[in-house]
Structures are given as C-alpha cells and as structure tokens.
N, C-alpha and C. Protein backbone atom coordinates (compact mmCIF):
# COMPACT_ATOMS: atom_id res chain seq x y z
N MET A 1 0.86 -1.19 0.00
CA MET A 1 0.00 0.00 0.00
C MET A 1 0.89 1.24 0.00
N PRO A 2 1.06 1.89 -1.13
CA PRO A 2 1.93 3.06 -1.19
C PRO A 2 1.34 4.24 -0.44
N SER A 3 2.21 5.06 0.12
CA SER A 3 1.76 6.24 0.85
C SER A 3 1.36 7.31 -0.16
N CYS A 4 0.22 7.97 0.10
CA CYS A 4 -0.29 8.98 -0.83
C CYS A 4 -0.18 10.37 -0.24
N GLU A 5 0.79 10.59 0.65
CA GLU A 5 0.92 11.90 1.28
C GLU A 5 1.21 12.97 0.25
N GLY A 6 0.38 13.99 0.20
CA GLY A 6 0.63 15.13 -0.67
C GLY A 6 0.28 14.90 -2.12
N CYS A 7 -0.21 13.71 -2.45
CA CYS A 7 -0.59 13.44 -3.84
C CYS A 7 -2.02 13.91 -4.04
N LEU A 8 -2.20 14.92 -4.87
CA LEU A 8 -3.51 15.55 -5.02
C LEU A 8 -4.52 14.57 -5.61
N ALA A 9 -4.08 13.79 -6.61
CA ALA A 9 -5.01 12.85 -7.25
C ALA A 9 -5.50 11.80 -6.25
N CYS A 10 -4.59 11.31 -5.41
CA CYS A 10 -4.98 10.31 -4.42
C CYS A 10 -5.92 10.92 -3.38
N GLU A 11 -5.62 12.15 -2.95
CA GLU A 11 -6.48 12.80 -1.97
C GLU A 11 -7.87 13.04 -2.57
N MET A 12 -7.89 13.48 -3.83
CA MET A 12 -9.18 13.70 -4.49
C MET A 12 -9.96 12.40 -4.61
N ALA A 13 -9.24 11.30 -4.93
CA ALA A 13 -9.91 10.01 -5.06
C ALA A 13 -10.48 9.57 -3.71
N GLN A 14 -9.72 9.79 -2.64
CA GLN A 14 -10.21 9.43 -1.32
C GLN A 14 -11.44 10.25 -0.97
N VAL A 15 -11.38 11.55 -1.23
CA VAL A 15 -12.51 12.42 -0.91
C VAL A 15 -13.74 12.00 -1.71
N MET A 16 -13.54 11.71 -3.00
CA MET A 16 -14.65 11.31 -3.84
C MET A 16 -15.23 9.98 -3.37
N ARG A 17 -14.34 9.05 -2.95
CA ARG A 17 -14.84 7.75 -2.49
C ARG A 17 -15.68 7.94 -1.23
N ILE A 18 -15.19 8.74 -0.29
CA ILE A 18 -15.94 8.99 0.95
C ILE A 18 -17.26 9.68 0.61
N TYR A 19 -17.20 10.67 -0.28
CA TYR A 19 -18.40 11.41 -0.64
C TYR A 19 -19.43 10.49 -1.29
N PHE A 20 -18.97 9.63 -2.21
CA PHE A 20 -19.92 8.78 -2.92
C PHE A 20 -20.50 7.72 -2.01
N THR A 21 -19.69 7.16 -1.09
CA THR A 21 -20.25 6.15 -0.20
C THR A 21 -21.30 6.78 0.70
N SER A 22 -21.04 7.97 1.23
CA SER A 22 -22.04 8.62 2.07
C SER A 22 -23.25 9.04 1.23
N TYR A 23 -22.99 9.45 -0.02
CA TYR A 23 -24.09 9.85 -0.91
C TYR A 23 -25.01 8.67 -1.19
N TRP A 24 -24.42 7.52 -1.52
CA TRP A 24 -25.26 6.36 -1.81
C TRP A 24 -25.97 5.87 -0.57
N ARG A 25 -25.31 6.00 0.58
CA ARG A 25 -25.97 5.61 1.82
C ARG A 25 -27.20 6.49 2.04
N PHE A 26 -27.04 7.79 1.76
CA PHE A 26 -28.16 8.72 1.91
C PHE A 26 -29.27 8.38 0.93
N VAL A 27 -28.88 8.04 -0.31
CA VAL A 27 -29.89 7.70 -1.32
C VAL A 27 -30.65 6.44 -0.91
N PHE A 28 -29.93 5.41 -0.47
CA PHE A 28 -30.59 4.18 -0.06
C PHE A 28 -31.48 4.42 1.15
N LEU A 29 -31.02 5.25 2.09
CA LEU A 29 -31.83 5.57 3.25
C LEU A 29 -33.10 6.29 2.83
N TYR A 30 -32.97 7.23 1.89
CA TYR A 30 -34.13 7.97 1.40
C TYR A 30 -35.13 7.03 0.72
N ILE A 31 -34.61 6.12 -0.13
CA ILE A 31 -35.49 5.17 -0.81
C ILE A 31 -36.18 4.26 0.21
N TYR A 32 -35.42 3.81 1.21
CA TYR A 32 -35.97 2.92 2.24
C TYR A 32 -37.08 3.63 3.01
N VAL A 33 -36.82 4.89 3.41
CA VAL A 33 -37.82 5.64 4.16
C VAL A 33 -39.06 5.85 3.29
N ALA A 34 -38.86 6.17 2.00
CA ALA A 34 -40.00 6.38 1.12
C ALA A 34 -40.82 5.09 0.98
N HIS A 35 -40.16 3.93 0.86
CA HIS A 35 -40.88 2.67 0.76
C HIS A 35 -41.65 2.37 2.04
N VAL A 36 -41.01 2.61 3.19
CA VAL A 36 -41.69 2.35 4.46
C VAL A 36 -42.91 3.26 4.59
N LYS A 37 -42.73 4.54 4.23
CA LYS A 37 -43.83 5.49 4.34
C LYS A 37 -44.98 5.06 3.42
N LEU A 38 -44.64 4.62 2.20
CA LEU A 38 -45.66 4.18 1.25
C LEU A 38 -46.38 2.95 1.78
N ALA A 39 -45.63 1.99 2.32
CA ALA A 39 -46.23 0.76 2.84
C ALA A 39 -47.16 1.09 4.01
N VAL A 40 -46.71 1.97 4.91
CA VAL A 40 -47.53 2.35 6.05
C VAL A 40 -48.80 3.05 5.58
N THR A 41 -48.66 3.94 4.60
CA THR A 41 -49.82 4.67 4.08
C THR A 41 -50.82 3.70 3.46
N VAL A 42 -50.33 2.76 2.65
CA VAL A 42 -51.23 1.80 2.00
C VAL A 42 -51.91 0.94 3.06
N THR A 43 -51.15 0.48 4.05
CA THR A 43 -51.72 -0.37 5.09
C THR A 43 -52.78 0.39 5.87
N VAL A 44 -52.46 1.62 6.25
CA VAL A 44 -53.40 2.41 7.04
C VAL A 44 -54.66 2.71 6.22
N GLU A 45 -54.47 3.08 4.95
CA GLU A 45 -55.63 3.41 4.12
C GLU A 45 -56.50 2.18 3.87
N SER A 46 -55.88 1.02 3.62
CA SER A 46 -56.68 -0.18 3.39
C SER A 46 -57.42 -0.57 4.68
N GLY A 47 -56.73 -0.46 5.82
CA GLY A 47 -57.39 -0.75 7.09
C GLY A 47 -58.50 0.24 7.38
N TYR A 48 -58.27 1.51 7.02
CA TYR A 48 -59.27 2.55 7.23
C TYR A 48 -60.50 2.29 6.37
N SER A 49 -60.30 1.94 5.10
CA SER A 49 -61.44 1.68 4.22
C SER A 49 -62.17 0.42 4.67
N LYS A 50 -61.44 -0.57 5.20
CA LYS A 50 -62.10 -1.79 5.70
C LYS A 50 -62.98 -1.45 6.89
N SER A 51 -62.48 -0.61 7.80
CA SER A 51 -63.29 -0.26 8.96
C SER A 51 -64.49 0.57 8.52
N LEU A 52 -64.31 1.41 7.48
CA LEU A 52 -65.45 2.18 6.96
C LEU A 52 -66.49 1.24 6.36
N ASN A 53 -66.03 0.23 5.59
CA ASN A 53 -66.96 -0.71 4.98
C ASN A 53 -67.70 -1.52 6.04
N GLN A 54 -67.02 -1.85 7.14
CA GLN A 54 -67.67 -2.63 8.19
C GLN A 54 -68.71 -1.79 8.93
N SER A 55 -68.47 -0.48 9.02
CA SER A 55 -69.39 0.33 9.80
C SER A 55 -70.69 0.56 9.03
N TYR A 56 -70.65 0.41 7.69
CA TYR A 56 -71.90 0.61 6.94
C TYR A 56 -72.68 -0.70 6.82
C-alpha cells in the first residue's frame, strides 16, 4: 500500500470515495424511508377503508 501523502489525485480520489459512499448511503436511506412510508400509508388506508366498509 503506497503512501499517498501530498498526492492531489490520491487525496481527491479518497474524498470522492468517501463522498460517494455517504451519498449512496443517503440515497438508499431515502429510498428505504419512502418505501416504508408508502407501505404504512397503504396499510393504514386499506385498514381505514375496511373499517369504513364494516361500519356501513
């Protein structure tokens, strides 16, 4: 593993790697939250309409 002290290209590559890993983590987290929110909304709405149908 060669030392990359003071090498601009290596430092840029490291920064980009860190940035992209955190970026993709954020993207996956956002997608996951959106899916959970959608699933909860669908479940709640279907349960709500079922309770409405039962009350009539």
